[in-house]
Protein backbone atom coordinates (compact mmCIF):
# COMPACT_ATOMS: atom_id res chain seq x y z
CA UNK A 1 17.15 2.69 11.67
CA UNK A 2 14.80 -0.19 12.45
CA UNK A 3 12.46 -0.99 9.53
CA UNK A 4 9.37 -3.21 9.52
CA UNK A 5 8.33 -4.56 6.10
CA UNK A 6 4.94 -6.02 5.20
CA UNK A 7 2.79 -6.46 2.08
CA UNK A 8 -0.44 -7.99 0.77
CA UNK A 9 1.05 -10.35 -1.84
CA UNK A 10 2.41 -12.70 0.82
CA UNK A 11 5.70 -13.65 2.44
CA UNK A 12 6.96 -15.44 -0.71
CA UNK A 13 6.17 -12.67 -3.21
CA UNK A 14 9.08 -11.37 -5.32
CA UNK A 15 8.13 -7.78 -4.51
CA UNK A 16 8.68 -8.08 -0.78
CA UNK A 17 12.02 -9.80 -1.34
CA UNK A 18 13.13 -6.88 -3.51
CA UNK A 19 11.94 -4.35 -0.92
CA UNK A 20 13.79 -6.25 1.79
CA UNK A 21 17.00 -6.09 -0.26
CA UNK A 22 16.57 -2.34 -0.74
CA UNK A 23 15.86 -1.61 2.93
CA UNK A 24 18.78 -3.73 4.18
CA UNK A 25 21.06 -1.03 2.80
CA UNK A 26 19.34 1.55 5.01
CA UNK A 27 18.79 -0.17 8.34
CA UNK A 28 17.94 -3.25 10.35
CA UNK A 29 15.02 -5.04 8.71
CA UNK A 30 12.28 -7.32 10.02
CA UNK A 31 9.69 -8.78 7.63
CA UNK A 32 6.20 -9.65 8.88
CA UNK A 33 3.86 -10.53 6.01
CA UNK A 34 0.75 -12.62 5.31
CA UNK A 35 1.36 -16.33 4.71
CA UNK A 36 -0.73 -16.10 1.52
CA UNK A 37 -1.92 -13.43 -0.90
CA UNK A 38 -4.29 -10.89 0.66
CA UNK A 39 -4.86 -8.50 -2.25
CA UNK A 40 -8.03 -6.44 -1.85
CA UNK A 41 -8.23 -7.11 1.89
CA UNK A 42 -8.26 -3.37 2.60
CA UNK A 43 -7.89 -2.28 6.23
CA UNK A 44 -9.39 -5.38 7.82
CA UNK A 45 -8.52 -6.99 11.15
CA UNK A 46 -9.18 -10.65 11.91
CA UNK A 47 -11.38 -10.66 15.02
CA UNK A 48 -13.31 -13.94 14.87
CA UNK A 49 -10.52 -16.51 14.97
CA UNK A 50 -7.05 -16.76 16.52
CA UNK A 51 -3.96 -15.78 14.55
CA UNK A 52 -0.61 -17.56 14.36
CA UNK A 53 2.86 -16.14 13.79
CA UNK A 54 5.35 -18.43 12.01
CA UNK A 55 9.06 -17.60 12.16
CA UNK A 56 10.91 -18.47 8.94
CA UNK A 57 14.33 -17.11 9.87
CA UNK A 58 15.85 -14.70 12.38
CA UNK A 59 14.08 -11.65 10.98
CA UNK A 60 11.31 -13.08 8.76
CA UNK A 61 7.83 -13.95 9.99
CA UNK A 62 4.46 -14.73 8.45
CA UNK A 63 0.95 -14.36 9.86
CA UNK A 64 -2.14 -16.29 8.78
CA UNK A 65 -4.10 -13.07 8.44
CA UNK A 66 -4.35 -9.73 6.67
CA UNK A 67 -1.68 -7.06 6.15
CA UNK A 68 -3.28 -5.05 8.95
CA UNK A 69 -3.04 -8.10 11.24
CA UNK A 70 0.65 -8.39 10.35
CA UNK A 71 1.52 -4.82 11.31
CA UNK A 72 -0.64 -4.92 14.43
CA UNK A 73 0.90 -8.16 15.69
CA UNK A 74 4.40 -7.06 14.73
CA UNK A 75 4.06 -3.89 16.78
CA UNK A 76 2.47 -5.53 19.83
CA UNK A 77 4.44 -8.78 19.87
CA UNK A 78 7.63 -8.82 17.78
CA UNK A 79 8.50 -5.14 18.35
CA UNK A 80 6.73 -4.78 21.70
CA UNK A 81 9.89 -3.69 23.54
CA UNK A 82 11.49 -1.63 20.76
CA UNK A 83 9.24 -0.16 18.07
CA UNK A 84 10.51 0.35 14.49
CA UNK A 85 11.41 3.78 13.16
CA UNK A 86 9.72 3.15 9.82
CA UNK A 87 7.16 0.80 8.25
CA UNK A 88 7.25 0.08 4.52
CA UNK A 89 4.74 -2.01 2.59
CA UNK A 90 5.13 -3.65 -0.82
CA UNK A 91 6.49 -3.71 -3.38
CA UNK A 92 2.95 -4.43 -4.58
CA UNK A 93 2.52 -6.39 -7.81
CA UNK A 94 0.29 -3.77 -9.39
CA UNK A 95 -0.94 -0.20 -9.11
CA UNK A 96 -2.51 1.46 -6.09
CA UNK A 97 -3.76 4.61 -7.78
CA UNK A 98 -6.85 6.69 -7.16
CA UNK A 99 -9.71 4.69 -5.67
CA UNK A 100 -7.52 1.56 -5.46
CA UNK A 101 -6.31 2.67 -2.05
CA UNK A 102 -9.71 2.02 -0.46
CA UNK A 103 -9.32 -1.70 -1.28
CA UNK A 104 -5.56 -2.03 -1.04
CA UNK A 105 -3.97 -4.28 1.55
CA UNK A 106 -0.61 -2.73 0.66
CA UNK A 107 -1.77 0.77 1.56
CA UNK A 108 -3.66 -0.53 4.60
CA UNK A 109 -0.50 -2.04 6.09
CA UNK A 110 1.04 1.43 5.93
CA UNK A 111 -2.18 2.95 7.26
CA UNK A 112 -2.05 0.67 10.30
CA UNK A 113 1.50 1.83 10.90
CA UNK A 114 0.36 5.44 10.87
CA UNK A 115 -2.46 4.64 13.32
CA UNK A 116 0.16 3.14 15.63
CA UNK A 117 2.29 6.28 15.39
CA UNK A 118 5.05 5.07 13.02
CA UNK A 119 6.01 6.86 9.76
CA UNK A 120 4.85 4.55 6.96
CA UNK A 121 5.16 4.23 3.17
CA UNK A 122 3.35 2.00 0.65
CA UNK A 123 5.17 1.05 -2.57
CA UNK A 124 3.49 -0.30 -5.73
CA UNK A 125 4.82 -1.26 -9.16
CA UNK A 126 2.37 -0.23 -11.89
CA UNK A 127 2.14 -2.74 -14.74
CA UNK A 128 -0.27 -4.01 -17.34
CA UNK A 129 -1.82 -7.47 -17.14
CA UNK A 130 0.60 -10.25 -18.22
CA UNK A 131 3.47 -7.73 -18.41
CA UNK A 132 6.89 -8.70 -17.05
CA UNK A 133 7.57 -6.96 -13.72
CA UNK A 134 10.82 -4.98 -13.53
CA UNK A 135 11.53 -4.54 -9.82
CA UNK A 136 15.00 -2.95 -10.14
CA UNK A 137 13.56 0.51 -10.81
CA UNK A 138 11.11 0.07 -7.92
CA UNK A 139 13.96 -0.94 -5.59
CA UNK A 140 15.88 2.22 -6.42
CA UNK A 141 12.74 4.31 -6.02
CA UNK A 142 12.07 2.82 -2.59
CA UNK A 143 15.54 3.75 -1.38
CA UNK A 144 15.22 7.26 -2.80
CA UNK A 145 11.88 7.87 -1.12
CA UNK A 146 13.03 6.61 2.28
CA UNK A 147 16.11 8.83 2.08
CA UNK A 148 13.81 11.76 1.21
CA UNK A 149 12.15 11.47 4.61
CA UNK A 150 15.02 13.55 6.02
CA UNK A 151 14.00 16.42 3.74
CA UNK A 152 10.26 15.74 3.61
CA UNK A 153 9.31 14.08 6.92
CA UNK A 154 5.81 12.74 7.24
CA UNK A 155 3.40 14.71 9.43
CA UNK A 156 1.31 12.91 12.00
CA UNK A 157 -1.54 10.74 10.62
CA UNK A 158 -0.13 10.78 7.07
CA UNK A 159 1.51 8.13 4.90
CA UNK A 160 3.22 8.22 1.53
CA UNK A 161 1.53 6.19 -1.22
CA UNK A 162 4.21 5.62 -3.86
CA UNK A 163 3.54 4.23 -7.35
CA UNK A 164 6.42 3.41 -9.69
CA UNK A 165 6.25 2.88 -13.47
CA UNK A 166 7.24 -0.59 -14.67
CA UNK A 167 10.24 0.25 -16.85
CA UNK A 168 13.27 -1.83 -17.72
CA UNK A 169 15.83 0.93 -18.25
CA UNK A 170 18.13 2.13 -15.46
CA UNK A 171 17.69 5.88 -16.00
CA UNK A 172 16.59 7.68 -12.84
CA UNK A 173 12.90 8.52 -13.06
CA UNK A 174 11.47 11.92 -12.23
CA UNK A 175 9.48 12.16 -8.99
CA UNK A 176 6.20 14.06 -8.75
CA UNK A 177 4.24 14.80 -5.58
CA UNK A 178 0.62 14.12 -6.49
CA UNK A 179 -2.94 14.01 -5.22
CA UNK A 180 -5.09 10.89 -5.12
CA UNK A 181 -6.88 10.89 -8.45
CA UNK A 182 -10.05 9.16 -9.57
CA UNK A 183 -9.99 5.67 -11.08
CA UNK A 184 -13.21 3.97 -12.14
CA UNK A 185 -13.76 0.27 -12.87
CA UNK A 186 -16.70 -1.30 -14.63
CA UNK A 187 -19.04 -3.14 -12.28
CA UNK A 188 -18.76 -6.75 -13.40
CA UNK A 189 -19.05 -10.31 -12.19
CA UNK A 190 -18.23 -13.56 -13.96
CA UNK A 191 -20.65 -16.39 -13.21
CA UNK A 192 -19.42 -19.99 -13.27
CA UNK A 193 -20.80 -23.41 -12.33
CA UNK A 194 -18.87 -25.70 -10.00
CA UNK A 195 -18.68 -29.52 -10.48
CA UNK A 196 -21.72 -29.91 -8.22
CA UNK A 197 -23.82 -27.64 -10.39
CA UNK A 198 -23.80 -24.66 -8.02
CA UNK A 199 -23.11 -21.10 -9.13
CA UNK A 200 -20.07 -19.14 -8.02
CA UNK A 201 -18.76 -15.70 -8.99
CA UNK A 202 -15.56 -13.84 -9.71
CA UNK A 203 -15.75 -10.14 -8.88
CA UNK A 204 -13.92 -7.54 -10.94
CA UNK A 205 -13.98 -5.49 -14.10
CA UNK A 206 -11.73 -3.57 -16.44
CA UNK A 207 -10.68 0.03 -15.87
CA UNK A 208 -13.17 2.43 -17.46
CA UNK A 209 -11.29 5.68 -16.89
CA UNK A 210 -8.67 7.30 -14.71
CA UNK A 211 -7.76 10.85 -13.83
CA UNK A 212 -5.48 12.40 -16.46
CA UNK A 213 -5.46 15.87 -14.91
CA UNK A 214 -2.02 17.33 -14.16
CA UNK A 215 -1.04 16.68 -10.57
CA UNK A 216 -2.92 13.39 -10.18
CA UNK A 217 -1.22 10.12 -9.32
CA UNK A 218 -2.48 8.38 -12.46
CA UNK A 219 -1.30 11.18 -14.72
CA UNK A 220 2.19 11.09 -13.22
CA UNK A 221 2.41 7.37 -14.01
CA UNK A 222 1.08 8.02 -17.53
CA UNK A 223 3.97 10.48 -17.99
CA UNK A 224 6.51 7.92 -16.76
CA UNK A 225 7.11 9.54 -13.36
CA UNK A 226 7.18 8.16 -9.83
CA UNK A 227 4.04 9.30 -8.02
CA UNK A 228 4.21 10.14 -4.30
CA UNK A 229 0.87 11.00 -2.70
CA UNK A 230 0.60 12.07 0.93
CA UNK A 231 -2.49 10.23 2.22
CA UNK A 232 -4.04 11.13 5.57
CA UNK A 233 -6.30 9.19 7.89
CA UNK A 234 -8.83 12.00 8.25
CA UNK A 235 -11.37 11.47 5.44
CA UNK A 236 -13.60 14.35 6.52
CA UNK A 237 -14.71 16.72 3.75
CA UNK A 238 -13.74 19.81 5.73
CA UNK A 239 -14.99 22.28 3.14
CA UNK A 240 -18.46 20.70 3.09
CA UNK A 241 -18.41 20.37 6.88
CA UNK A 242 -17.84 24.11 7.17
CA UNK A 243 -20.74 24.74 4.77
CA UNK A 244 -23.01 22.50 6.83
CA UNK A 245 -22.00 24.15 10.09
CA UNK A 246 -22.53 27.65 8.72
CA UNK A 247 -25.88 26.72 7.19
CA UNK A 248 -27.04 25.03 10.38
CA UNK A 249 -25.99 28.02 12.49
CA UNK A 250 -28.22 30.31 10.39
CA UNK A 251 -31.28 28.15 11.09
CA UNK A 252 -30.80 28.11 14.89
């Protein structure tokens, strides 16, 4: 199996090194990742400047762009004659639960893989701020989930978004298939003044609430389980669409 690995934390992040180690036991691995952190870049392509690929070793490359750029360039340039069988993204240094996925570069790398017709999985390690990251459990989870593709293959236009609790013990964690829950942050900015007296801002706020309903991704993590959510490209609200179509038909 040929496996392409990317992330949004950058080519030198510990998480991608751990994912590379895990995937090397399952196939032939090529890493193509951003040359610097791209957290929160979402599914963005760089269209207004040229991009450069830097080769670090035989099978490790970096791109001076977003995670989406990395997967796109990898598929059209590095793998142009022989596409990978699987794309994995991560292991992200933090959660991608609920609404996080709309901002996530980690998930977007996998999303780009799906758009290009390759089965793709995003892996994230859920931890609290300033908490030590325990990647061993996430490594084992990544191998388990990839092996599960034989039993639960991904349908077209769908990726797996996998979140793993940050635990130190070696006991095998329970897996739960979940839906994308709801996660709300406070709207906040921090205003500062630079040395020249001009204002600048940091964007971001604390978590206000997250979905604790059974079956949600956040609740699975709260219960110490690995969350696997099948995420599809189609964001249409089909139920509401049907209501609109039926209502409109009655007025014609």
